Amino acid sequence: MSIRRIWPAPASPPLDDAELTALYGRAEGPHLRVNFVASLDGAVTLQGYSAGLSGEPDKRVFGLLRMLCDGLVVAAGTLRHEGYRAVRLSEPRRAWRREHGLAEYPTLVVVSGSLGLDPAQAAFAGAPVRPVVLTRVDAQAPPGLAEVAEVVRCGDDRVDLAAGLAELRRRGLDQLLCEGGPHLFGALTAADLVDEVCLTVAPLLAGAGPGRITAGEPSPPRDLPLRHVLAAGDGSLMLRYTR
């Protein structure tokens, strides 16, 4: 299904994957990109899951953003609820990463204050690259987690996200992609760590009930300029905002 840029270059021809990759690209320095899909009325889920909002064009960009990142950051609750599997890429996307001097696969990074994780979940057990778990200093790891993931402790009463991201960058994970959930997005915003937001607006009304793409404690508003608007053949819009 076609994707066209409608701003700042209106009515562009359909974009191929190489052109989409160039549009989103990689930042020159450390960078945290957040990617979400929402309904017209602001819902983050449909029937309890984000997948209900995501059409073919959104999934296409979703895959390209994973290809571009060094580390894929997700909250433990989202990992469990959405049933994350191992982070794998197609051979063409792995080849693109090799050609650009990147590791063949991005590293999965799970943020978990309680370490309520199942080491047997495919996201850990089948991971092609050893995942990293950011947690609190005193969180008790379940048996077997240390065998399938590297546990990094940062923060006392909650995960210190600034310290955690600094540790990831010391490990060479400069370009980070966060896929949620809403509480992690809210916490990253409150800590002023968000450099970019990619938002797909699905052409439907979800109705009352589902939450927004962000949640948690209030934080000051922050300007984030619009960089491009893409329109897909299914009626969805893809918005990109960066510092």
C-alpha atoms as a PDB file:
ATOM      1  CA  MET A   1       0.000   0.000   0.000  1.00  0.00           C
ATOM      2  CA  SER A   2       1.425   3.365  -1.031  1.00  0.00           C
ATOM      3  CA  ILE A   3       2.801   6.031   1.297  1.00  0.00           C
ATOM      4  CA  ARG A   4       3.224   9.595   0.033  1.00  0.00           C
ATOM      5  CA  ARG A   5       4.727  12.695   1.599  1.00  0.00           C
ATOM      6  CA  ILE A   6       2.135  15.480   1.740  1.00  0.00           C
ATOM      7  CA  TRP A   7       4.156  17.981   3.794  1.00  0.00           C
ATOM      8  CA  PRO A   8       6.537  19.752   3.356  1.00  0.00           C
ATOM      9  CA  ALA A   9       6.530  18.444  -0.258  1.00  0.00           C
ATOM     10  CA  PRO A  10       2.861  18.003  -1.232  1.00  0.00           C
ATOM     11  CA  ALA A  11       1.698  15.214  -3.519  1.00  0.00           C
ATOM     12  CA  SER A  12       5.007  13.412  -3.785  1.00  0.00           C
ATOM     13  CA  PRO A  13       5.145  10.117  -5.717  1.00  0.00           C
ATOM     14  CA  PRO A  14       4.755   6.936  -3.626  1.00  0.00           C
ATOM     15  CA  LEU A  15       7.826   6.420  -1.437  1.00  0.00           C
ATOM     16  CA  ASP A  16       9.861   3.225  -1.635  1.00  0.00           C
ATOM     17  CA  ASP A  17      11.633   1.779   1.402  1.00  0.00           C
ATOM     18  CA  ALA A  18      14.924   3.522   0.587  1.00  0.00           C
ATOM     19  CA  GLU A  19      13.172   6.905   0.447  1.00  0.00           C
ATOM     20  CA  LEU A  20      11.294   6.219   3.686  1.00  0.00           C
ATOM     21  CA  THR A  21      14.547   5.185   5.349  1.00  0.00           C
ATOM     22  CA  ALA A  22      16.184   8.439   4.248  1.00  0.00           C
ATOM     23  CA  LEU A  23      13.214  10.471   5.539  1.00  0.00           C
ATOM     24  CA  TYR A  24      13.423   8.970   9.046  1.00  0.00           C
ATOM     25  CA  GLY A  25      17.160   8.331   9.082  1.00  0.00           C
ATOM     26  CA  ARG A  26      19.552   8.148  12.020  1.00  0.00           C
ATOM     27  CA  ALA A  27      20.482  11.153  14.105  1.00  0.00           C
ATOM     28  CA  GLU A  28      24.065  12.380  14.259  1.00  0.00           C
ATOM     29  CA  GLY A  29      24.329  11.888  18.018  1.00  0.00           C
ATOM     30  CA  PRO A  30      22.536  10.124  20.882  1.00  0.00           C
ATOM     31  CA  HIS A  31      18.809  10.177  20.162  1.00  0.00           C
ATOM     32  CA  LEU A  32      15.596   8.762  21.635  1.00  0.00           C
ATOM     33  CA  ARG A  33      12.718   8.272  19.200  1.00  0.00           C
ATOM     34  CA  VAL A  34       9.251   7.262  20.417  1.00  0.00           C
ATOM     35  CA  ASN A  35       6.858   5.481  18.060  1.00  0.00           C
ATOM     36  CA  PHE A  36       3.104   5.131  18.673  1.00  0.00           C
ATOM     37  CA  VAL A  37      -0.147   4.596  16.809  1.00  0.00           C
ATOM     38  CA  ALA A  38      -3.415   6.202  17.968  1.00  0.00           C
ATOM     39  CA  SER A  39      -7.003   6.513  16.774  1.00  0.00           C
ATOM     40  CA  LEU A  40      -8.549   9.800  15.636  1.00  0.00           C
ATOM     41  CA  ASP A  41     -10.033  10.246  19.103  1.00  0.00           C
ATOM     42  CA  GLY A  42      -6.720   9.582  20.846  1.00  0.00           C
ATOM     43  CA  ALA A  43      -7.030   5.916  21.864  1.00  0.00           C
ATOM     44  CA  VAL A  44      -3.811   3.957  22.243  1.00  0.00           C
ATOM     45  CA  THR A  45      -5.512   0.552  21.883  1.00  0.00           C
ATOM     46  CA  LEU A  46      -8.444  -1.092  20.164  1.00  0.00           C
ATOM     47  CA  GLN A  47     -10.051  -3.970  22.065  1.00  0.00           C
ATOM     48  CA  GLY A  48      -7.112  -3.819  24.444  1.00  0.00           C
ATOM     49  CA  TYR A  49      -4.249  -4.049  21.953  1.00  0.00           C
ATOM     50  CA  SER A  50      -2.324  -1.552  19.835  1.00  0.00           C
ATOM     51  CA  ALA A  51      -2.252  -3.996  16.923  1.00  0.00           C
ATOM     52  CA  GLY A  52      -5.911  -3.233  16.229  1.00  0.00           C
ATOM     53  CA  LEU A  53      -4.952   0.311  15.233  1.00  0.00           C
ATOM     54  CA  SER A  54      -2.010  -0.606  13.007  1.00  0.00           C
ATOM     55  CA  GLY A  55      -2.515  -1.134   9.283  1.00  0.00           C
ATOM     56  CA  GLU A  56      -0.060  -2.252   6.618  1.00  0.00           C
ATOM     57  CA  PRO A  57       1.588   1.197   6.094  1.00  0.00           C
ATOM     58  CA  ASP A  58       2.098   1.688   9.835  1.00  0.00           C
ATOM     59  CA  LYS A  59       3.650  -1.769  10.112  1.00  0.00           C
ATOM     60  CA  ARG A  60       5.956  -0.909   7.207  1.00  0.00           C
ATOM     61  CA  VAL A  61       7.278   2.202   8.962  1.00  0.00           C
ATOM     62  CA  PHE A  62       7.346   0.295  12.281  1.00  0.00           C
ATOM     63  CA  GLY A  63       9.748  -2.225  10.730  1.00  0.00           C
ATOM     64  CA  LEU A  64      11.957   0.459   9.194  1.00  0.00           C
ATOM     65  CA  LEU A  65      12.267   2.275  12.524  1.00  0.00           C
ATOM     66  CA  ARG A  66      13.401  -0.968  14.145  1.00  0.00           C
ATOM     67  CA  MET A  67      15.973  -1.362  11.383  1.00  0.00           C
ATOM     68  CA  LEU A  68      17.355   2.114  12.084  1.00  0.00           C
ATOM     69  CA  CYS A  69      17.797   1.824  15.870  1.00  0.00           C
ATOM     70  CA  ASP A  70      20.603   0.454  18.021  1.00  0.00           C
ATOM     71  CA  GLY A  71      18.325  -0.379  20.925  1.00  0.00           C
ATOM     72  CA  LEU A  72      14.578  -1.073  21.096  1.00  0.00           C
ATOM     73  CA  VAL A  73      13.188   0.143  24.443  1.00  0.00           C
ATOM     74  CA  VAL A  74       9.911  -1.202  25.829  1.00  0.00           C
ATOM     75  CA  ALA A  75       8.232  -1.292  29.242  1.00  0.00           C
ATOM     76  CA  ALA A  76       7.807  -4.685  30.887  1.00  0.00           C
ATOM     77  CA  GLY A  77       4.015  -4.325  30.976  1.00  0.00           C
ATOM     78  CA  THR A  78       3.857  -3.715  27.227  1.00  0.00           C
ATOM     79  CA  LEU A  79       6.262  -6.596  26.598  1.00  0.00           C
ATOM     80  CA  ARG A  80       3.976  -8.950  28.528  1.00  0.00           C
ATOM     81  CA  HIS A  81       0.610  -7.636  27.331  1.00  0.00           C
ATOM     82  CA  GLU A  82       1.476  -7.337  23.638  1.00  0.00           C
ATOM     83  CA  GLY A  83       3.259 -10.702  23.679  1.00  0.00           C
ATOM     84  CA  TYR A  84       6.599  -9.490  22.341  1.00  0.00           C
ATOM     85  CA  ARG A  85       8.634 -12.095  20.561  1.00  0.00           C
ATOM     86  CA  ALA A  86      12.353 -12.014  19.759  1.00  0.00           C
ATOM     87  CA  VAL A  87      13.384  -8.872  17.860  1.00  0.00           C
ATOM     88  CA  ARG A  88      14.332 -10.164  14.431  1.00  0.00           C
ATOM     89  CA  LEU A  89      14.650  -8.460  11.046  1.00  0.00           C
ATOM     90  CA  SER A  90      14.334  -9.624   7.456  1.00  0.00           C
ATOM     91  CA  GLU A  91      17.527 -10.409   5.556  1.00  0.00           C
ATOM     92  CA  PRO A  92      17.340  -7.187   3.439  1.00  0.00           C
ATOM     93  CA  ARG A  93      17.083  -5.113   6.614  1.00  0.00           C
ATOM     94  CA  ARG A  94      19.926  -7.027   8.264  1.00  0.00           C
ATOM     95  CA  ALA A  95      21.987  -6.422   5.125  1.00  0.00           C
ATOM     96  CA  TRP A  96      21.224  -2.684   5.335  1.00  0.00           C
ATOM     97  CA  ARG A  97      22.491  -2.659   8.905  1.00  0.00           C
ATOM     98  CA  ARG A  98      25.674  -4.508   7.995  1.00  0.00           C
ATOM     99  CA  GLU A  99      26.312  -2.093   5.114  1.00  0.00           C
ATOM    100  CA  HIS A 100      25.991   0.834   7.530  1.00  0.00           C
ATOM    101  CA  GLY A 101      28.332  -0.624  10.141  1.00  0.00           C
ATOM    102  CA  LEU A 102      25.599  -1.616  12.604  1.00  0.00           C
ATOM    103  CA  ALA A 103      25.076  -4.813  14.532  1.00  0.00           C
ATOM    104  CA  GLU A 104      22.893  -7.216  12.562  1.00  0.00           C
ATOM    105  CA  TYR A 105      20.054  -6.889  15.087  1.00  0.00           C
ATOM    106  CA  PRO A 106      19.065  -4.103  17.495  1.00  0.00           C
ATOM    107  CA  THR A 107      19.270  -4.872  21.210  1.00  0.00           C
ATOM    108  CA  LEU A 108      15.995  -5.273  23.102  1.00  0.00           C
ATOM    109  CA  VAL A 109      15.934  -3.074  26.231  1.00  0.00           C
ATOM    110  CA  VAL A 110      13.197  -3.779  28.799  1.00  0.00           C
ATOM    111  CA  VAL A 111      12.367  -1.279  31.553  1.00  0.00           C
ATOM    112  CA  SER A 112      11.036  -3.064  34.648  1.00  0.00           C
ATOM    113  CA  GLY A 113      10.843  -1.683  38.186  1.00  0.00           C
ATOM    114  CA  SER A 114       9.769  -4.992  39.734  1.00  0.00           C
ATOM    115  CA  LEU A 115      11.517  -7.507  37.437  1.00  0.00           C
ATOM    116  CA  GLY A 116       8.205  -9.303  36.970  1.00  0.00           C
ATOM    117  CA  LEU A 117       9.531 -10.956  33.831  1.00  0.00           C
ATOM    118  CA  ASP A 118       9.392 -14.476  32.432  1.00  0.00           C
ATOM    119  CA  PRO A 119      12.817 -15.613  31.185  1.00  0.00           C
ATOM    120  CA  ALA A 120      11.052 -18.205  29.027  1.00  0.00           C
ATOM    121  CA  GLN A 121       9.178 -15.531  27.029  1.00  0.00           C
ATOM    122  CA  ALA A 122      10.340 -15.625  23.426  1.00  0.00           C
ATOM    123  CA  ALA A 123      11.548 -12.001  23.649  1.00  0.00           C
ATOM    124  CA  PHE A 124      14.292 -13.306  25.961  1.00  0.00           C
ATOM    125  CA  ALA A 125      14.634 -17.012  25.209  1.00  0.00           C
ATOM    126  CA  GLY A 126      14.743 -16.572  21.426  1.00  0.00           C
ATOM    127  CA  ALA A 127      16.615 -13.266  21.260  1.00  0.00           C
ATOM    128  CA  PRO A 128      19.389 -13.133  18.635  1.00  0.00           C
ATOM    129  CA  VAL A 129      21.152 -10.499  20.787  1.00  0.00           C
ATOM    130  CA  ARG A 130      21.249 -10.671  24.591  1.00  0.00           C
ATOM    131  CA  PRO A 131      18.587  -8.215  25.875  1.00  0.00           C
ATOM    132  CA  VAL A 132      19.251  -5.578  28.540  1.00  0.00           C
ATOM    133  CA  VAL A 133      16.868  -5.031  31.467  1.00  0.00           C
ATOM    134  CA  LEU A 134      16.870  -1.662  33.272  1.00  0.00           C
ATOM    135  CA  THR A 135      15.588  -1.977  36.834  1.00  0.00           C
ATOM    136  CA  ARG A 136      15.805  -0.647  40.401  1.00  0.00           C
ATOM    137  CA  VAL A 137      18.728  -1.386  42.707  1.00  0.00           C
ATOM    138  CA  ASP A 138      16.757  -3.636  45.072  1.00  0.00           C
ATOM    139  CA  ALA A 139      14.484  -5.453  42.584  1.00  0.00           C
ATOM    140  CA  GLN A 140      14.609  -9.233  42.934  1.00  0.00           C
ATOM    141  CA  ALA A 141      15.350 -11.033  39.688  1.00  0.00           C
ATOM    142  CA  PRO A 142      13.355 -14.196  38.930  1.00  0.00           C
ATOM    143  CA  PRO A 143      15.336 -17.428  38.545  1.00  0.00           C
ATOM    144  CA  GLY A 144      16.889 -17.732  35.122  1.00  0.00           C
ATOM    145  CA  LEU A 145      16.675 -14.080  34.085  1.00  0.00           C
ATOM    146  CA  ALA A 146      20.432 -13.514  34.380  1.00  0.00           C
ATOM    147  CA  GLU A 147      20.987 -16.415  31.973  1.00  0.00           C
ATOM    148  CA  VAL A 148      18.982 -14.755  29.166  1.00  0.00           C
ATOM    149  CA  ALA A 149      19.436 -11.018  29.806  1.00  0.00           C
ATOM    150  CA  GLU A 150      21.844  -8.488  31.247  1.00  0.00           C
ATOM    151  CA  VAL A 151      20.306  -6.786  34.288  1.00  0.00           C
ATOM    152  CA  VAL A 152      21.375  -3.157  34.793  1.00  0.00           C
ATOM    153  CA  ARG A 153      20.391  -1.553  38.098  1.00  0.00           C
ATOM    154  CA  CYS A 154      19.826   2.203  38.163  1.00  0.00           C
ATOM    155  CA  GLY A 155      17.669   4.056  40.678  1.00  0.00           C
ATOM    156  CA  ASP A 156      16.375   3.311  44.180  1.00  0.00           C
ATOM    157  CA  ASP A 157      12.600   3.803  44.451  1.00  0.00           C
ATOM    158  CA  ARG A 158      12.084   3.748  40.646  1.00  0.00           C
ATOM    159  CA  VAL A 159      14.144   3.148  37.529  1.00  0.00           C
ATOM    160  CA  ASP A 160      16.361   6.178  36.892  1.00  0.00           C
ATOM    161  CA  LEU A 161      15.749   6.544  33.159  1.00  0.00           C
ATOM    162  CA  ALA A 162      18.426   9.190  32.592  1.00  0.00           C
ATOM    163  CA  ALA A 163      21.041   6.974  34.221  1.00  0.00           C
ATOM    164  CA  GLY A 164      19.735   3.949  32.339  1.00  0.00           C
ATOM    165  CA  LEU A 165      19.939   5.674  28.955  1.00  0.00           C
ATOM    166  CA  ALA A 166      23.437   6.926  29.779  1.00  0.00           C
ATOM    167  CA  GLU A 167      24.459   3.342  30.534  1.00  0.00           C
ATOM    168  CA  LEU A 168      22.992   2.132  27.254  1.00  0.00           C
ATOM    169  CA  ARG A 169      24.959   4.778  25.388  1.00  0.00           C
ATOM    170  CA  ARG A 170      28.158   3.716  27.146  1.00  0.00           C
ATOM    171  CA  ARG A 171      27.476   0.333  25.574  1.00  0.00           C
ATOM    172  CA  GLY A 172      27.194   1.875  22.103  1.00  0.00           C
ATOM    173  CA  LEU A 173      23.382   1.991  21.941  1.00  0.00           C
ATOM    174  CA  ASP A 174      23.122   5.632  20.849  1.00  0.00           C
ATOM    175  CA  GLN A 175      20.018   5.515  18.651  1.00  0.00           C
ATOM    176  CA  LEU A 176      17.099   4.311  20.771  1.00  0.00           C
ATOM    177  CA  LEU A 177      13.541   3.539  19.675  1.00  0.00           C
ATOM    178  CA  CYS A 178      10.850   3.376  22.365  1.00  0.00           C
ATOM    179  CA  GLU A 179       7.607   1.518  21.593  1.00  0.00           C
ATOM    180  CA  GLY A 180       5.895   2.276  24.897  1.00  0.00           C
ATOM    181  CA  GLY A 181       3.826   1.789  26.804  1.00  0.00           C
ATOM    182  CA  PRO A 182       2.112   4.999  27.882  1.00  0.00           C
ATOM    183  CA  HIS A 183       3.602   5.127  31.403  1.00  0.00           C
ATOM    184  CA  LEU A 184       7.135   4.747  30.063  1.00  0.00           C
ATOM    185  CA  PHE A 185       6.452   7.474  27.477  1.00  0.00           C
ATOM    186  CA  GLY A 186       5.144   9.726  30.254  1.00  0.00           C
ATOM    187  CA  ALA A 187       8.184   9.073  32.420  1.00  0.00           C
ATOM    188  CA  LEU A 188      10.605   9.724  29.546  1.00  0.00           C
ATOM    189  CA  THR A 189       8.764  12.983  28.779  1.00  0.00           C
ATOM    190  CA  ALA A 190       8.877  14.058  32.426  1.00  0.00           C
ATOM    191  CA  ALA A 191      12.641  13.409  32.459  1.00  0.00           C
ATOM    192  CA  ASP A 192      12.999  15.470  29.224  1.00  0.00           C
ATOM    193  CA  LEU A 193      14.594  12.533  27.412  1.00  0.00           C
ATOM    194  CA  VAL A 194      12.360  12.409  24.315  1.00  0.00           C
ATOM    195  CA  ASP A 195      14.022  13.750  21.161  1.00  0.00           C
ATOM    196  CA  GLU A 196      11.477  12.613  18.590  1.00  0.00           C
ATOM    197  CA  VAL A 197       7.907  11.342  18.329  1.00  0.00           C
ATOM    198  CA  CYS A 198       6.614   9.355  15.361  1.00  0.00           C
ATOM    199  CA  LEU A 199       2.838   9.103  15.527  1.00  0.00           C
ATOM    200  CA  THR A 200       0.555   7.228  13.159  1.00  0.00           C
ATOM    201  CA  VAL A 201      -3.052   8.451  13.267  1.00  0.00           C
ATOM    202  CA  ALA A 202      -5.400   5.613  12.340  1.00  0.00           C
ATOM    203  CA  PRO A 203      -8.578   6.624  10.450  1.00  0.00           C
ATOM    204  CA  LEU A 204     -11.112   5.381  12.992  1.00  0.00           C
ATOM    205  CA  LEU A 205     -12.926   6.358  16.171  1.00  0.00           C
ATOM    206  CA  ALA A 206     -12.256   3.941  19.016  1.00  0.00           C
ATOM    207  CA  GLY A 207     -14.853   5.427  21.333  1.00  0.00           C
ATOM    208  CA  ALA A 208     -14.632   5.965  25.076  1.00  0.00           C
ATOM    209  CA  GLY A 209     -12.520   3.744  27.278  1.00  0.00           C
ATOM    210  CA  PRO A 210      -8.936   3.308  26.042  1.00  0.00           C
ATOM    211  CA  GLY A 211      -6.200   5.530  27.474  1.00  0.00           C
ATOM    212  CA  ARG A 212      -3.928   7.973  25.676  1.00  0.00           C
ATOM    213  CA  ILE A 213      -0.459   7.225  24.332  1.00  0.00           C
ATOM    214  CA  THR A 214       1.007   8.836  27.456  1.00  0.00           C
ATOM    215  CA  ALA A 215       0.243   8.346  31.153  1.00  0.00           C
ATOM    216  CA  GLY A 216       1.708   9.021  34.590  1.00  0.00           C
ATOM    217  CA  GLU A 217       2.614  12.129  36.537  1.00  0.00           C
ATOM    218  CA  PRO A 218       2.054  15.582  34.966  1.00  0.00           C
ATOM    219  CA  SER A 219       5.058  17.312  33.431  1.00  0.00           C
ATOM    220  CA  PRO A 220       5.660  20.690  31.741  1.00  0.00           C
ATOM    221  CA  PRO A 221       4.631  21.019  28.079  1.00  0.00           C
ATOM    222  CA  ARG A 222       7.467  20.911  25.561  1.00  0.00           C
ATOM    223  CA  ASP A 223       7.567  22.149  21.968  1.00  0.00           C
ATOM    224  CA  LEU A 224       8.367  19.542  19.342  1.00  0.00           C
ATOM    225  CA  PRO A 225       8.419  20.899  15.762  1.00  0.00           C
ATOM    226  CA  LEU A 226       6.740  18.984  12.933  1.00  0.00           C
ATOM    227  CA  ARG A 227       9.191  17.566  10.371  1.00  0.00           C
ATOM    228  CA  HIS A 228       7.008  15.683   7.924  1.00  0.00           C
ATOM    229  CA  VAL A 229       3.512  14.360   7.236  1.00  0.00           C
ATOM    230  CA  LEU A 230       2.974  11.180   5.255  1.00  0.00           C
ATOM    231  CA  ALA A 231      -0.361   9.883   3.983  1.00  0.00           C
ATOM    232  CA  ALA A 232      -1.014   6.201   3.342  1.00  0.00           C
ATOM    233  CA  GLY A 233      -3.429   4.498   1.009  1.00  0.00           C
ATOM    234  CA  ASP A 234      -5.511   3.213   3.935  1.00  0.00           C
ATOM    235  CA  GLY A 235      -6.227   6.779   5.097  1.00  0.00           C
ATOM    236  CA  SER A 236      -3.743   6.848   7.966  1.00  0.00           C
ATOM    237  CA  LEU A 237      -1.389   9.762   8.575  1.00  0.00           C
ATOM    238  CA  MET A 238       2.209   9.416   9.770  1.00  0.00           C
ATOM    239  CA  LEU A 239       3.528  12.424  11.653  1.00  0.00           C
ATOM    240  CA  ARG A 240       7.144  12.975  12.675  1.00  0.00           C
ATOM    241  CA  TYR A 241       8.144  15.569  15.267  1.00  0.00           C
ATOM    242  CA  THR A 242      11.713  16.184  16.472  1.00  0.00           C
ATOM    243  CA  ARG A 243      13.595  18.606  18.680  1.00  0.00           C
END
